[in-house]
Amino acid sequence: SGRVLRVLTEEPAVQFYSGNFLDGSTSGMGQQ
């Protein structure tokens, strides 16, 4: 898409989560 997201913060850390517990059992807003 060419979209870029930058996340800025004053916090000392950031949790990165790659959606490992999503399993396709729910949907919404046009997406599984």
PDB file of all heavy atoms in Angstrom:
ATOM      1  N   SER A   1       0.813  -1.226   0.000  1.00  0.00           N
ATOM      2  CA  SER A   1       0.000   0.000   0.000  1.00  0.00           C
ATOM      3  C   SER A   1       0.839   1.265   0.000  1.00  0.00           C
ATOM      4  O   SER A   1       0.338   2.342  -0.314  1.00  0.00           O
ATOM      5  CB  SER A   1      -0.908   0.022   1.225  1.00  0.00           C
ATOM      6  OG  SER A   1      -0.135   0.129   2.408  1.00  0.00           O
ATOM      7  N   GLY A   2       2.101   1.144   0.378  1.00  0.00           N
ATOM      8  CA  GLY A   2       2.953   2.316   0.511  1.00  0.00           C
ATOM      9  C   GLY A   2       2.747   3.065   1.819  1.00  0.00           C
ATOM     10  O   GLY A   2       3.382   4.097   2.050  1.00  0.00           O
ATOM     11  N   ARG A   3       1.869   2.553   2.690  1.00  0.00           N
ATOM     12  CA  ARG A   3       1.629   3.241   3.963  1.00  0.00           C
ATOM     13  C   ARG A   3       2.796   3.047   4.922  1.00  0.00           C
ATOM     14  O   ARG A   3       3.430   1.982   4.958  1.00  0.00           O
ATOM     15  CB  ARG A   3       0.340   2.732   4.620  1.00  0.00           C
ATOM     16  CG  ARG A   3      -0.937   3.098   3.876  1.00  0.00           C
ATOM     17  CD  ARG A   3      -2.159   2.707   4.707  1.00  0.00           C
ATOM     18  NE  ARG A   3      -3.411   3.022   4.026  1.00  0.00           N
ATOM     19  CZ  ARG A   3      -4.146   2.152   3.339  1.00  0.00           C
ATOM     20  NH1 ARG A   3      -3.730   0.889   3.232  1.00  0.00           N
ATOM     21  NH2 ARG A   3      -5.274   2.525   2.756  1.00  0.00           N
ATOM     22  N   VAL A   4       3.027   4.087   5.715  1.00  0.00           N
ATOM     23  CA  VAL A   4       4.075   4.062   6.737  1.00  0.00           C
ATOM     24  C   VAL A   4       3.445   4.475   8.062  1.00  0.00           C
ATOM     25  O   VAL A   4       2.694   5.449   8.133  1.00  0.00           O
ATOM     26  CB  VAL A   4       5.233   5.023   6.402  1.00  0.00           C
ATOM     27  CG1 VAL A   4       6.276   5.039   7.517  1.00  0.00           C
ATOM     28  CG2 VAL A   4       5.882   4.636   5.072  1.00  0.00           C
ATOM     29  N   LEU A   5       3.763   3.726   9.113  1.00  0.00           N
ATOM     30  CA  LEU A   5       3.359   4.077  10.470  1.00  0.00           C
ATOM     31  C   LEU A   5       4.603   4.240  11.318  1.00  0.00           C
ATOM     32  O   LEU A   5       5.466   3.355  11.336  1.00  0.00           O
ATOM     33  CB  LEU A   5       2.471   2.982  11.080  1.00  0.00           C
ATOM     34  CG  LEU A   5       2.190   3.108  12.589  1.00  0.00           C
ATOM     35  CD1 LEU A   5       1.277   4.291  12.871  1.00  0.00           C
ATOM     36  CD2 LEU A   5       1.597   1.818  13.148  1.00  0.00           C
ATOM     37  N   ARG A   6       4.703   5.379  12.001  1.00  0.00           N
ATOM     38  CA  ARG A   6       5.769   5.597  12.988  1.00  0.00           C
ATOM     39  C   ARG A   6       5.119   5.691  14.359  1.00  0.00           C
ATOM     40  O   ARG A   6       4.078   6.328  14.517  1.00  0.00           O
ATOM     41  CB  ARG A   6       6.556   6.865  12.683  1.00  0.00           C
ATOM     42  CG  ARG A   6       7.315   6.820  11.366  1.00  0.00           C
ATOM     43  CD  ARG A   6       7.772   8.200  10.931  1.00  0.00           C
ATOM     44  NE  ARG A   6       8.583   8.848  11.946  1.00  0.00           N
ATOM     45  CZ  ARG A   6       8.375  10.096  12.398  1.00  0.00           C
ATOM     46  NH1 ARG A   6       7.365  10.812  11.925  1.00  0.00           N
ATOM     47  NH2 ARG A   6       9.158  10.604  13.319  1.00  0.00           N
ATOM     48  N   VAL A   7       5.729   5.050  15.347  1.00  0.00           N
ATOM     49  CA  VAL A   7       5.230   5.077  16.716  1.00  0.00           C
ATOM     50  C   VAL A   7       6.253   5.798  17.584  1.00  0.00           C
ATOM     51  O   VAL A   7       7.399   5.359  17.698  1.00  0.00           O
ATOM     52  CB  VAL A   7       4.970   3.656  17.259  1.00  0.00           C
ATOM     53  CG1 VAL A   7       4.483   3.718  18.706  1.00  0.00           C
ATOM     54  CG2 VAL A   7       3.959   2.929  16.380  1.00  0.00           C
ATOM     55  N   LEU A   8       5.824   6.920  18.162  1.00  0.00           N
ATOM     56  CA  LEU A   8       6.689   7.700  19.038  1.00  0.00           C
ATOM     57  C   LEU A   8       6.140   7.634  20.456  1.00  0.00           C
ATOM     58  O   LEU A   8       4.931   7.517  20.666  1.00  0.00           O
ATOM     59  CB  LEU A   8       6.777   9.155  18.571  1.00  0.00           C
ATOM     60  CG  LEU A   8       7.356   9.373  17.174  1.00  0.00           C
ATOM     61  CD1 LEU A   8       6.244   9.409  16.141  1.00  0.00           C
ATOM     62  CD2 LEU A   8       8.173  10.644  17.105  1.00  0.00           C
ATOM     63  N   THR A   9       7.026   7.733  21.443  1.00  0.00           N
ATOM     64  CA  THR A   9       6.574   7.586  22.820  1.00  0.00           C
ATOM     65  C   THR A   9       7.565   8.208  23.795  1.00  0.00           C
ATOM     66  O   THR A   9       8.731   8.419  23.460  1.00  0.00           O
ATOM     67  CB  THR A   9       6.389   6.093  23.171  1.00  0.00           C
ATOM     68  OG1 THR A   9       5.860   5.977  24.497  1.00  0.00           O
ATOM     69  CG2 THR A   9       7.707   5.342  23.094  1.00  0.00           C
ATOM     70  N   GLU A  10       7.082   8.478  25.005  1.00  0.00           N
ATOM     71  CA  GLU A  10       7.944   8.857  26.121  1.00  0.00           C
ATOM     72  C   GLU A  10       8.282   7.642  26.983  1.00  0.00           C
ATOM     73  O   GLU A  10       9.083   7.743  27.907  1.00  0.00           O
ATOM     74  CB  GLU A  10       7.248   9.914  26.983  1.00  0.00           C
ATOM     75  CG  GLU A  10       7.001  11.232  26.258  1.00  0.00           C
ATOM     76  CD  GLU A  10       6.229  12.227  27.102  1.00  0.00           C
ATOM     77  OE1 GLU A  10       5.788  11.853  28.216  1.00  0.00           O
ATOM     78  OE2 GLU A  10       6.057  13.366  26.653  1.00  0.00           O
ATOM     79  N   GLU A  11       7.655   6.517  26.714  1.00  0.00           N
ATOM     80  CA  GLU A  11       7.830   5.320  27.530  1.00  0.00           C
ATOM     81  C   GLU A  11       9.215   4.687  27.342  1.00  0.00           C
ATOM     82  O   GLU A  11       9.850   4.874  26.296  1.00  0.00           O
ATOM     83  CB  GLU A  11       6.747   4.299  27.183  1.00  0.00           C
ATOM     84  CG  GLU A  11       5.366   4.668  27.699  1.00  0.00           C
ATOM     85  CD  GLU A  11       5.322   4.654  29.212  1.00  0.00           C
ATOM     86  OE1 GLU A  11       5.451   3.583  29.826  1.00  0.00           O
ATOM     87  OE2 GLU A  11       5.155   5.746  29.798  1.00  0.00           O
ATOM     88  N   PRO A  12       9.680   3.906  28.325  1.00  0.00           N
ATOM     89  CA  PRO A  12      11.012   3.294  28.224  1.00  0.00           C
ATOM     90  C   PRO A  12      11.040   1.994  27.426  1.00  0.00           C
ATOM     91  O   PRO A  12      12.106   1.411  27.239  1.00  0.00           O
ATOM     92  CB  PRO A  12      11.375   3.029  29.688  1.00  0.00           C
ATOM     93  CG  PRO A  12      10.064   2.806  30.361  1.00  0.00           C
ATOM     94  CD  PRO A  12       9.098   3.724  29.673  1.00  0.00           C
ATOM     95  N   ALA A  13       9.864   1.522  26.961  1.00  0.00           N
ATOM     96  CA  ALA A  13       9.830   0.250  26.237  1.00  0.00           C
ATOM     97  C   ALA A  13       8.613   0.201  25.335  1.00  0.00           C
ATOM     98  O   ALA A  13       7.702   1.028  25.440  1.00  0.00           O
ATOM     99  CB  ALA A  13       9.808  -0.920  27.223  1.00  0.00           C
ATOM    100  N   VAL A  14       8.608  -0.793  24.448  1.00  0.00           N
ATOM    101  CA  VAL A  14       7.448  -1.018  23.578  1.00  0.00           C
ATOM    102  C   VAL A  14       7.276  -2.522  23.409  1.00  0.00           C
ATOM    103  O   VAL A  14       8.261  -3.257  23.190  1.00  0.00           O
ATOM    104  CB  VAL A  14       7.614  -0.322  22.214  1.00  0.00           C
ATOM    105  CG1 VAL A  14       8.807  -0.862  21.438  1.00  0.00           C
ATOM    106  CG2 VAL A  14       6.331  -0.433  21.384  1.00  0.00           C
ATOM    107  N   GLN A  15       6.050  -3.005  23.554  1.00  0.00           N
ATOM    108  CA  GLN A  15       5.739  -4.417  23.327  1.00  0.00           C
ATOM    109  C   GLN A  15       5.398  -4.608  21.854  1.00  0.00           C
ATOM    110  O   GLN A  15       4.505  -3.951  21.325  1.00  0.00           O
ATOM    111  CB  GLN A  15       4.558  -4.850  24.195  1.00  0.00           C
ATOM    112  CG  GLN A  15       4.218  -6.332  24.083  1.00  0.00           C
ATOM    113  CD  GLN A  15       4.989  -7.212  25.038  1.00  0.00           C
ATOM    114  OE1 GLN A  15       5.810  -6.710  25.819  1.00  0.00           O
ATOM    115  NE2 GLN A  15       4.753  -8.504  25.012  1.00  0.00           N
ATOM    116  N   PHE A  16       6.114  -5.519  21.209  1.00  0.00           N
ATOM    117  CA  PHE A  16       5.803  -5.872  19.825  1.00  0.00           C
ATOM    118  C   PHE A  16       5.117  -7.233  19.824  1.00  0.00           C
ATOM    119  O   PHE A  16       5.651  -8.224  20.323  1.00  0.00           O
ATOM    120  CB  PHE A  16       7.070  -5.920  18.971  1.00  0.00           C
ATOM    121  CG  PHE A  16       6.872  -6.555  17.615  1.00  0.00           C
ATOM    122  CD1 PHE A  16       5.790  -6.200  16.814  1.00  0.00           C
ATOM    123  CD2 PHE A  16       7.756  -7.516  17.137  1.00  0.00           C
ATOM    124  CE1 PHE A  16       5.587  -6.794  15.572  1.00  0.00           C
ATOM    125  CE2 PHE A  16       7.570  -8.109  15.895  1.00  0.00           C
ATOM    126  CZ  PHE A  16       6.482  -7.750  15.118  1.00  0.00           C
ATOM    127  N   TYR A  17       3.908  -7.262  19.261  1.00  0.00           N
ATOM    128  CA  TYR A  17       3.112  -8.491  19.204  1.00  0.00           C
ATOM    129  C   TYR A  17       2.716  -8.729  17.760  1.00  0.00           C
ATOM    130  O   TYR A  17       2.173  -7.832  17.095  1.00  0.00           O
ATOM    131  CB  TYR A  17       1.870  -8.334  20.086  1.00  0.00           C
ATOM    132  CG  TYR A  17       0.851  -9.446  19.966  1.00  0.00           C
ATOM    133  CD1 TYR A  17       1.214 -10.774  20.145  1.00  0.00           C
ATOM    134  CD2 TYR A  17      -0.484  -9.161  19.672  1.00  0.00           C
ATOM    135  CE1 TYR A  17       0.283 -11.791  20.038  1.00  0.00           C
ATOM    136  CE2 TYR A  17      -1.433 -10.171  19.567  1.00  0.00           C
ATOM    137  CZ  TYR A  17      -1.048 -11.484  19.749  1.00  0.00           C
ATOM    138  OH  TYR A  17      -1.986 -12.485  19.635  1.00  0.00           O
ATOM    139  N   SER A  18       2.970  -9.936  17.258  1.00  0.00           N
ATOM    140  CA  SER A  18       2.752 -10.231  15.842  1.00  0.00           C
ATOM    141  C   SER A  18       1.458 -11.004  15.572  1.00  0.00           C
ATOM    142  O   SER A  18       1.348 -11.699  14.559  1.00  0.00           O
ATOM    143  CB  SER A  18       3.951 -11.008  15.275  1.00  0.00           C
ATOM    144  OG  SER A  18       4.255 -12.156  16.053  1.00  0.00           O
ATOM    145  N   GLY A  19       0.466 -10.873  16.452  1.00  0.00           N
ATOM    146  CA  GLY A  19      -0.851 -11.461  16.197  1.00  0.00           C
ATOM    147  C   GLY A  19      -0.869 -12.974  16.233  1.00  0.00           C
ATOM    148  O   GLY A  19      -1.635 -13.618  15.506  1.00  0.00           O
ATOM    149  N   ASN A  20      -0.050 -13.563  17.130  1.00  0.00           N
ATOM    150  CA  ASN A  20       0.125 -15.015  17.142  1.00  0.00           C
ATOM    151  C   ASN A  20      -1.078 -15.787  17.671  1.00  0.00           C
ATOM    152  O   ASN A  20      -1.191 -16.991  17.432  1.00  0.00           O
ATOM    153  CB  ASN A  20       1.346 -15.373  17.997  1.00  0.00           C
ATOM    154  CG  ASN A  20       2.527 -14.471  17.718  1.00  0.00           C
ATOM    155  OD1 ASN A  20       2.920 -14.306  16.569  1.00  0.00           O
ATOM    156  ND2 ASN A  20       3.082 -13.867  18.746  1.00  0.00           N
ATOM    157  N   PHE A  21      -1.947 -15.118  18.426  1.00  0.00           N
ATOM    158  CA  PHE A  21      -3.089 -15.817  19.010  1.00  0.00           C
ATOM    159  C   PHE A  21      -4.387 -15.563  18.233  1.00  0.00           C
ATOM    160  O   PHE A  21      -5.442 -16.064  18.615  1.00  0.00           O
ATOM    161  CB  PHE A  21      -3.256 -15.422  20.477  1.00  0.00           C
ATOM    162  CG  PHE A  21      -2.084 -15.849  21.329  1.00  0.00           C
ATOM    163  CD1 PHE A  21      -1.084 -14.955  21.671  1.00  0.00           C
ATOM    164  CD2 PHE A  21      -1.966 -17.165  21.752  1.00  0.00           C
ATOM    165  CE1 PHE A  21      -0.002 -15.346  22.436  1.00  0.00           C
ATOM    166  CE2 PHE A  21      -0.880 -17.579  22.518  1.00  0.00           C
ATOM    167  CZ  PHE A  21       0.106 -16.665  22.862  1.00  0.00           C
ATOM    168  N   LEU A  22      -4.308 -14.792  17.162  1.00  0.00           N
ATOM    169  CA  LEU A  22      -5.456 -14.655  16.265  1.00  0.00           C
ATOM    170  C   LEU A  22      -5.600 -15.953  15.469  1.00  0.00           C
ATOM    171  O   LEU A  22      -4.605 -16.543  15.041  1.00  0.00           O
ATOM    172  CB  LEU A  22      -5.245 -13.481  15.304  1.00  0.00           C
ATOM    173  CG  LEU A  22      -5.092 -12.097  15.947  1.00  0.00           C
ATOM    174  CD1 LEU A  22      -4.645 -11.069  14.908  1.00  0.00           C
ATOM    175  CD2 LEU A  22      -6.390 -11.664  16.614  1.00  0.00           C
ATOM    176  N   ASP A  23      -6.849 -16.398  15.273  1.00  0.00           N
ATOM    177  CA  ASP A  23      -7.027 -17.696  14.625  1.00  0.00           C
ATOM    178  C   ASP A  23      -8.115 -17.721  13.556  1.00  0.00           C
ATOM    179  O   ASP A  23      -8.495 -18.794  13.065  1.00  0.00           O
ATOM    180  CB  ASP A  23      -7.331 -18.765  15.673  1.00  0.00           C
ATOM    181  CG  ASP A  23      -8.600 -18.479  16.470  1.00  0.00           C
ATOM    182  OD1 ASP A  23      -9.314 -17.508  16.125  1.00  0.00           O
ATOM    183  OD2 ASP A  23      -8.878 -19.227  17.429  1.00  0.00           O
ATOM    184  N   GLY A  24      -8.623 -16.540  13.185  1.00  0.00           N
ATOM    185  CA  GLY A  24      -9.637 -16.495  12.148  1.00  0.00           C
ATOM    186  C   GLY A  24     -11.039 -16.796  12.631  1.00  0.00           C
ATOM    187  O   GLY A  24     -11.976 -16.844  11.825  1.00  0.00           O
ATOM    188  N   SER A  25     -11.216 -16.969  13.942  1.00  0.00           N
ATOM    189  CA  SER A  25     -12.544 -17.316  14.465  1.00  0.00           C
ATOM    190  C   SER A  25     -13.463 -16.108  14.596  1.00  0.00           C
ATOM    191  O   SER A  25     -14.660 -16.263  14.837  1.00  0.00           O
ATOM    192  CB  SER A  25     -12.412 -18.010  15.823  1.00  0.00           C
ATOM    193  OG  SER A  25     -11.787 -17.152  16.771  1.00  0.00           O
ATOM    194  N   THR A  26     -12.904 -14.902  14.461  1.00  0.00           N
ATOM    195  CA  THR A  26     -13.726 -13.691  14.501  1.00  0.00           C
ATOM    196  C   THR A  26     -13.473 -12.873  13.238  1.00  0.00           C
ATOM    197  O   THR A  26     -12.484 -13.073  12.532  1.00  0.00           O
ATOM    198  CB  THR A  26     -13.410 -12.823  15.738  1.00  0.00           C
ATOM    199  OG1 THR A  26     -12.038 -12.379  15.668  1.00  0.00           O
ATOM    200  CG2 THR A  26     -13.630 -13.596  17.027  1.00  0.00           C
ATOM    201  N   SER A  27     -14.385 -11.932  12.997  1.00  0.00           N
ATOM    202  CA  SER A  27     -14.242 -11.042  11.842  1.00  0.00           C
ATOM    203  C   SER A  27     -14.957  -9.736  12.135  1.00  0.00           C
ATOM    204  O   SER A  27     -15.745  -9.630  13.082  1.00  0.00           O
ATOM    205  CB  SER A  27     -14.813 -11.690  10.579  1.00  0.00           C
ATOM    206  OG  SER A  27     -16.207 -11.926  10.739  1.00  0.00           O
ATOM    207  N   GLY A  28     -14.689  -8.747  11.305  1.00  0.00           N
ATOM    208  CA  GLY A  28     -15.344  -7.467  11.452  1.00  0.00           C
ATOM    209  C   GLY A  28     -14.699  -6.428  10.571  1.00  0.00           C
ATOM    210  O   GLY A  28     -13.554  -6.576  10.127  1.00  0.00           O
ATOM    211  N   MET A  29     -15.439  -5.376  10.259  1.00  0.00           N
ATOM    212  CA  MET A  29     -14.940  -4.295   9.418  1.00  0.00           C
ATOM    213  C   MET A  29     -14.406  -4.824   8.086  1.00  0.00           C
ATOM    214  O   MET A  29     -13.423  -4.338   7.538  1.00  0.00           O
ATOM    215  CB  MET A  29     -13.850  -3.498  10.143  1.00  0.00           C
ATOM    216  CG  MET A  29     -14.234  -2.996  11.529  1.00  0.00           C
ATOM    217  SD  MET A  29     -15.630  -1.847  11.496  1.00  0.00           S
ATOM    218  CE  MET A  29     -14.858  -0.398  10.792  1.00  0.00           C
ATOM    219  N   GLY A  30     -15.052  -5.886   7.580  1.00  0.00           N
ATOM    220  CA  GLY A  30     -14.683  -6.417   6.283  1.00  0.00           C
ATOM    221  C   GLY A  30     -13.476  -7.331   6.269  1.00  0.00           C
ATOM    222  O   GLY A  30     -12.999  -7.699   5.189  1.00  0.00           O
ATOM    223  N   GLN A  31     -12.967  -7.712   7.448  1.00  0.00           N
ATOM    224  CA  GLN A  31     -11.777  -8.558   7.501  1.00  0.00           C
ATOM    225  C   GLN A  31     -11.979  -9.738   8.437  1.00  0.00           C
ATOM    226  O   GLN A  31     -12.594  -9.608   9.496  1.00  0.00           O
ATOM    227  CB  GLN A  31     -10.560  -7.773   8.002  1.00  0.00           C
ATOM    228  CG  GLN A  31     -10.043  -6.698   7.075  1.00  0.00           C
ATOM    229  CD  GLN A  31      -8.710  -6.168   7.544  1.00  0.00           C
ATOM    230  OE1 GLN A  31      -7.685  -6.831   7.427  1.00  0.00           O
ATOM    231  NE2 GLN A  31      -8.710  -4.959   8.082  1.00  0.00           N
ATOM    232  N   GLN A  32     -11.428 -10.906   8.036  1.00  0.00           N
ATOM    233  CA  GLN A  32     -11.308 -12.034   8.944  1.00  0.00           C
ATOM    234  C   GLN A  32     -10.065 -11.783   9.796  1.00  0.00           C
ATOM    235  O   GLN A  32      -9.035 -11.328   9.289  1.00  0.00           O
ATOM    236  CB  GLN A  32     -11.133 -13.327   8.136  1.00  0.00           C
ATOM    237  CG  GLN A  32     -11.443 -14.592   8.909  1.00  0.00           C
ATOM    238  CD  GLN A  32     -12.925 -14.890   8.977  1.00  0.00           C
ATOM    239  OE1 GLN A  32     -13.696 -14.303   8.242  1.00  0.00           O
ATOM    240  NE2 GLN A  32     -13.304 -15.792   9.864  1.00  0.00           N
TER     241      GLN A  32
END
